[in-house]
């Protein structure tokens, strides 16, 4: 049996963490004075601006590979992305 339309697999606590991660990614991007256009595109690890914006909005659950690609795009270590999220 499949999931009913509108069913979510992400808990409220998970959404809070995803929002915090998205805020951290946006914070790093802004500190580096980069726009979403600067970190996305056909020749970059994350191609879709809409995908990046959903990540920063905390609307997507990320794989480690996606987190790694975001770190590449921002030229930071992966651990910088998750540092201080639970504080």
N, C-alpha and C. Protein backbone atom coordinates (compact mmCIF):
# COMPACT_ATOMS: atom_id res chain seq x y z
N UNK A 1 0.83 -1.16 0.00
CA UNK A 1 0.00 0.00 0.00
C UNK A 1 0.89 1.25 0.00
N UNK A 2 0.61 2.19 -0.89
CA UNK A 2 1.40 3.41 -1.02
C UNK A 2 0.97 4.48 -0.03
N UNK A 3 1.69 5.56 -0.01
CA UNK A 3 1.36 6.67 0.86
C UNK A 3 0.19 7.46 0.30
N UNK A 4 -0.63 7.97 1.17
CA UNK A 4 -1.73 8.83 0.75
C UNK A 4 -1.19 10.18 0.36
N UNK A 5 -1.87 10.85 -0.56
CA UNK A 5 -1.46 12.18 -1.00
C UNK A 5 -1.40 13.11 0.21
N UNK A 6 -0.33 13.87 0.31
CA UNK A 6 -0.16 14.80 1.41
C UNK A 6 0.52 14.20 2.63
N UNK A 7 0.82 12.90 2.60
CA UNK A 7 1.49 12.25 3.72
C UNK A 7 2.96 12.66 3.71
N UNK A 8 3.48 12.96 4.89
CA UNK A 8 4.87 13.37 4.97
C UNK A 8 5.68 12.33 5.75
N UNK A 9 6.90 12.15 5.35
CA UNK A 9 7.81 11.24 6.04
C UNK A 9 8.77 12.00 6.94
N UNK A 10 8.68 13.32 6.95
CA UNK A 10 9.58 14.16 7.71
C UNK A 10 8.83 14.70 8.92
N UNK A 11 9.38 14.47 10.10
CA UNK A 11 8.74 14.94 11.33
C UNK A 11 8.92 16.45 11.50
N UNK A 12 8.20 17.01 12.45
CA UNK A 12 8.33 18.43 12.75
C UNK A 12 9.76 18.76 13.19
N UNK A 13 10.36 17.88 13.98
CA UNK A 13 11.74 18.09 14.43
C UNK A 13 12.71 18.05 13.24
N UNK A 14 12.46 17.12 12.31
CA UNK A 14 13.29 17.04 11.11
C UNK A 14 13.18 18.31 10.28
N UNK A 15 11.96 18.83 10.15
CA UNK A 15 11.76 20.07 9.38
C UNK A 15 12.52 21.23 10.03
N UNK A 16 12.52 21.24 11.36
CA UNK A 16 13.26 22.29 12.08
C UNK A 16 14.75 22.20 11.78
N UNK A 17 15.28 20.99 11.77
CA UNK A 17 16.70 20.79 11.45
C UNK A 17 17.01 21.18 10.00
N UNK A 18 16.13 20.81 9.07
CA UNK A 18 16.34 21.15 7.67
C UNK A 18 16.31 22.67 7.47
N UNK A 19 15.43 23.35 8.19
CA UNK A 19 15.35 24.81 8.12
C UNK A 19 16.63 25.42 8.67
N UNK A 20 17.13 24.88 9.78
CA UNK A 20 18.38 25.38 10.36
C UNK A 20 19.56 25.16 9.41
N UNK A 21 19.59 24.00 8.75
CA UNK A 21 20.65 23.72 7.78
C UNK A 21 20.55 24.69 6.61
N UNK A 22 19.34 24.90 6.11
CA UNK A 22 19.14 25.85 5.01
C UNK A 22 19.58 27.25 5.39
N UNK A 23 19.27 27.66 6.60
CA UNK A 23 19.70 28.98 7.08
C UNK A 23 21.21 29.07 7.15
N UNK A 24 21.85 27.99 7.60
CA UNK A 24 23.32 27.97 7.68
C UNK A 24 23.95 28.07 6.29
N UNK A 25 23.39 27.35 5.33
CA UNK A 25 23.89 27.40 3.96
C UNK A 25 23.74 28.82 3.40
N UNK A 26 22.57 29.43 3.63
CA UNK A 26 22.34 30.80 3.16
C UNK A 26 23.30 31.78 3.83
N UNK A 27 23.53 31.59 5.13
CA UNK A 27 24.45 32.45 5.88
C UNK A 27 25.85 32.41 5.28
N UNK A 28 26.35 31.21 5.00
CA UNK A 28 27.68 31.07 4.41
C UNK A 28 27.72 31.70 3.03
N UNK A 29 26.70 31.43 2.22
CA UNK A 29 26.65 32.01 0.86
C UNK A 29 26.66 33.54 0.93
N UNK A 30 25.86 34.11 1.82
CA UNK A 30 25.80 35.56 1.95
C UNK A 30 27.10 36.16 2.46
N UNK A 31 27.76 35.47 3.41
CA UNK A 31 29.05 35.95 3.92
C UNK A 31 30.09 36.01 2.81
N UNK A 32 29.98 35.09 1.87
CA UNK A 32 30.91 35.06 0.75
C UNK A 32 30.46 35.98 -0.39
N UNK A 33 29.33 36.69 -0.15
CA UNK A 33 28.78 37.63 -1.13
C UNK A 33 28.48 36.95 -2.46
N UNK A 34 27.89 35.75 -2.36
CA UNK A 34 27.52 34.99 -3.55
C UNK A 34 26.01 34.98 -3.69
N UNK A 35 25.54 35.10 -4.92
CA UNK A 35 24.11 34.97 -5.18
C UNK A 35 23.81 33.51 -5.51
N UNK A 36 22.54 33.17 -5.54
CA UNK A 36 22.15 31.82 -5.95
C UNK A 36 22.63 31.56 -7.38
N UNK A 37 22.66 32.59 -8.21
CA UNK A 37 23.16 32.45 -9.58
C UNK A 37 24.65 32.10 -9.61
N UNK A 38 25.40 32.59 -8.61
CA UNK A 38 26.84 32.32 -8.55
C UNK A 38 27.15 30.87 -8.20
N UNK A 39 26.25 30.21 -7.47
CA UNK A 39 26.55 28.86 -6.97
C UNK A 39 25.78 27.76 -7.69
N UNK A 40 25.01 28.13 -8.70
CA UNK A 40 24.25 27.14 -9.47
C UNK A 40 24.47 27.36 -10.96
N UNK A 41 24.31 26.31 -11.72
CA UNK A 41 24.43 26.42 -13.17
C UNK A 41 24.91 25.11 -13.77
N UNK A 42 24.84 25.03 -15.07
CA UNK A 42 25.18 23.80 -15.79
C UNK A 42 26.59 23.30 -15.51
N UNK A 43 27.53 24.21 -15.27
CA UNK A 43 28.93 23.81 -15.06
C UNK A 43 29.30 23.71 -13.58
N UNK A 44 28.29 23.75 -12.69
CA UNK A 44 28.55 23.71 -11.25
C UNK A 44 27.91 22.47 -10.62
N UNK A 45 28.36 22.09 -9.42
CA UNK A 45 27.84 20.86 -8.79
C UNK A 45 26.32 20.85 -8.61
N UNK A 46 25.71 21.98 -8.23
CA UNK A 46 24.25 22.08 -8.13
C UNK A 46 23.79 22.91 -9.33
N UNK A 47 23.03 22.31 -10.20
CA UNK A 47 22.66 22.98 -11.45
C UNK A 47 21.42 23.86 -11.33
N UNK A 48 20.46 23.45 -10.54
CA UNK A 48 19.17 24.12 -10.50
C UNK A 48 19.08 25.17 -9.39
N UNK A 49 18.78 26.41 -9.77
CA UNK A 49 18.58 27.47 -8.79
C UNK A 49 17.37 27.16 -7.90
N UNK A 50 16.33 26.61 -8.49
CA UNK A 50 15.13 26.27 -7.72
C UNK A 50 15.45 25.22 -6.65
N UNK A 51 16.27 24.24 -7.02
CA UNK A 51 16.68 23.20 -6.07
C UNK A 51 17.45 23.84 -4.91
N UNK A 52 18.39 24.72 -5.22
CA UNK A 52 19.18 25.41 -4.19
C UNK A 52 18.26 26.22 -3.28
N UNK A 53 17.32 26.95 -3.86
CA UNK A 53 16.42 27.77 -3.06
C UNK A 53 15.55 26.92 -2.13
N UNK A 54 15.12 25.75 -2.60
CA UNK A 54 14.34 24.85 -1.74
C UNK A 54 15.20 24.31 -0.61
N UNK A 55 16.47 24.07 -0.88
CA UNK A 55 17.38 23.61 0.17
C UNK A 55 17.52 24.70 1.23
N UNK A 56 17.77 25.94 0.81
CA UNK A 56 17.92 27.04 1.76
C UNK A 56 16.62 27.30 2.53
N UNK A 57 15.50 27.00 1.94
CA UNK A 57 14.20 27.19 2.61
C UNK A 57 13.88 26.03 3.56
N UNK A 58 14.72 24.99 3.56
CA UNK A 58 14.49 23.84 4.42
C UNK A 58 13.39 22.93 3.93
N UNK A 59 13.12 22.97 2.63
CA UNK A 59 12.02 22.20 2.05
C UNK A 59 12.45 20.84 1.52
N UNK A 60 13.74 20.57 1.51
CA UNK A 60 14.23 19.29 0.98
C UNK A 60 15.12 18.59 1.99
N UNK A 61 14.95 17.29 2.09
CA UNK A 61 15.86 16.47 2.88
C UNK A 61 17.05 16.13 1.97
N UNK A 62 18.26 16.29 2.49
CA UNK A 62 19.45 16.17 1.65
C UNK A 62 20.16 14.85 1.83
N UNK A 63 20.77 14.38 0.77
CA UNK A 63 21.69 13.25 0.86
C UNK A 63 23.08 13.81 1.19
N UNK A 64 23.96 12.93 1.60
CA UNK A 64 25.33 13.37 1.87
C UNK A 64 25.97 13.91 0.59
N UNK A 65 25.68 13.29 -0.53
CA UNK A 65 26.26 13.74 -1.81
C UNK A 65 25.85 15.17 -2.11
N UNK A 66 24.57 15.49 -1.89
CA UNK A 66 24.11 16.86 -2.13
C UNK A 66 24.79 17.83 -1.17
N UNK A 67 24.92 17.44 0.09
CA UNK A 67 25.61 18.28 1.07
C UNK A 67 27.06 18.52 0.64
N UNK A 68 27.70 17.47 0.14
CA UNK A 68 29.08 17.59 -0.35
C UNK A 68 29.16 18.56 -1.54
N UNK A 69 28.20 18.47 -2.45
CA UNK A 69 28.18 19.37 -3.62
C UNK A 69 27.96 20.82 -3.20
N UNK A 70 27.11 21.02 -2.20
CA UNK A 70 26.89 22.38 -1.70
C UNK A 70 28.19 22.92 -1.11
N UNK A 71 28.89 22.11 -0.33
CA UNK A 71 30.18 22.51 0.24
C UNK A 71 31.17 22.87 -0.87
N UNK A 72 31.19 22.08 -1.94
CA UNK A 72 32.07 22.38 -3.08
C UNK A 72 31.71 23.74 -3.67
N UNK A 73 30.44 23.97 -3.88
CA UNK A 73 29.98 25.22 -4.49
C UNK A 73 30.34 26.43 -3.64
N UNK A 74 30.31 26.26 -2.32
CA UNK A 74 30.62 27.36 -1.41
C UNK A 74 32.09 27.41 -1.02
N UNK A 75 32.86 26.40 -1.47
CA UNK A 75 34.29 26.30 -1.17
C UNK A 75 34.55 26.28 0.34
N UNK A 76 33.80 25.39 1.01
CA UNK A 76 33.97 25.20 2.46
C UNK A 76 33.97 23.71 2.75
N UNK A 77 34.54 23.29 3.89
CA UNK A 77 34.45 21.89 4.29
C UNK A 77 33.00 21.55 4.64
N UNK A 78 32.60 20.31 4.44
CA UNK A 78 31.24 19.87 4.73
C UNK A 78 30.87 20.16 6.18
N UNK A 79 31.80 19.96 7.10
CA UNK A 79 31.47 20.18 8.51
C UNK A 79 31.10 21.63 8.82
N UNK A 80 31.56 22.59 8.01
CA UNK A 80 31.16 23.99 8.20
C UNK A 80 29.66 24.18 7.97
N UNK A 81 29.08 23.34 7.13
CA UNK A 81 27.65 23.47 6.83
C UNK A 81 26.79 23.06 8.01
N UNK A 82 27.23 22.09 8.77
CA UNK A 82 26.40 21.57 9.87
C UNK A 82 26.84 22.09 11.24
N UNK A 83 27.93 22.83 11.26
CA UNK A 83 28.43 23.36 12.52
C UNK A 83 27.39 24.27 13.17
N UNK A 84 27.17 24.08 14.43
CA UNK A 84 26.30 24.92 15.28
C UNK A 84 24.82 24.89 14.90
N UNK A 85 24.36 23.85 14.22
CA UNK A 85 22.94 23.78 13.88
C UNK A 85 22.08 23.50 15.10
N UNK A 86 22.55 22.70 16.03
CA UNK A 86 21.75 22.35 17.21
C UNK A 86 21.93 23.31 18.38
N UNK A 87 22.70 24.35 18.20
CA UNK A 87 22.95 25.29 19.32
C UNK A 87 21.85 26.30 19.44
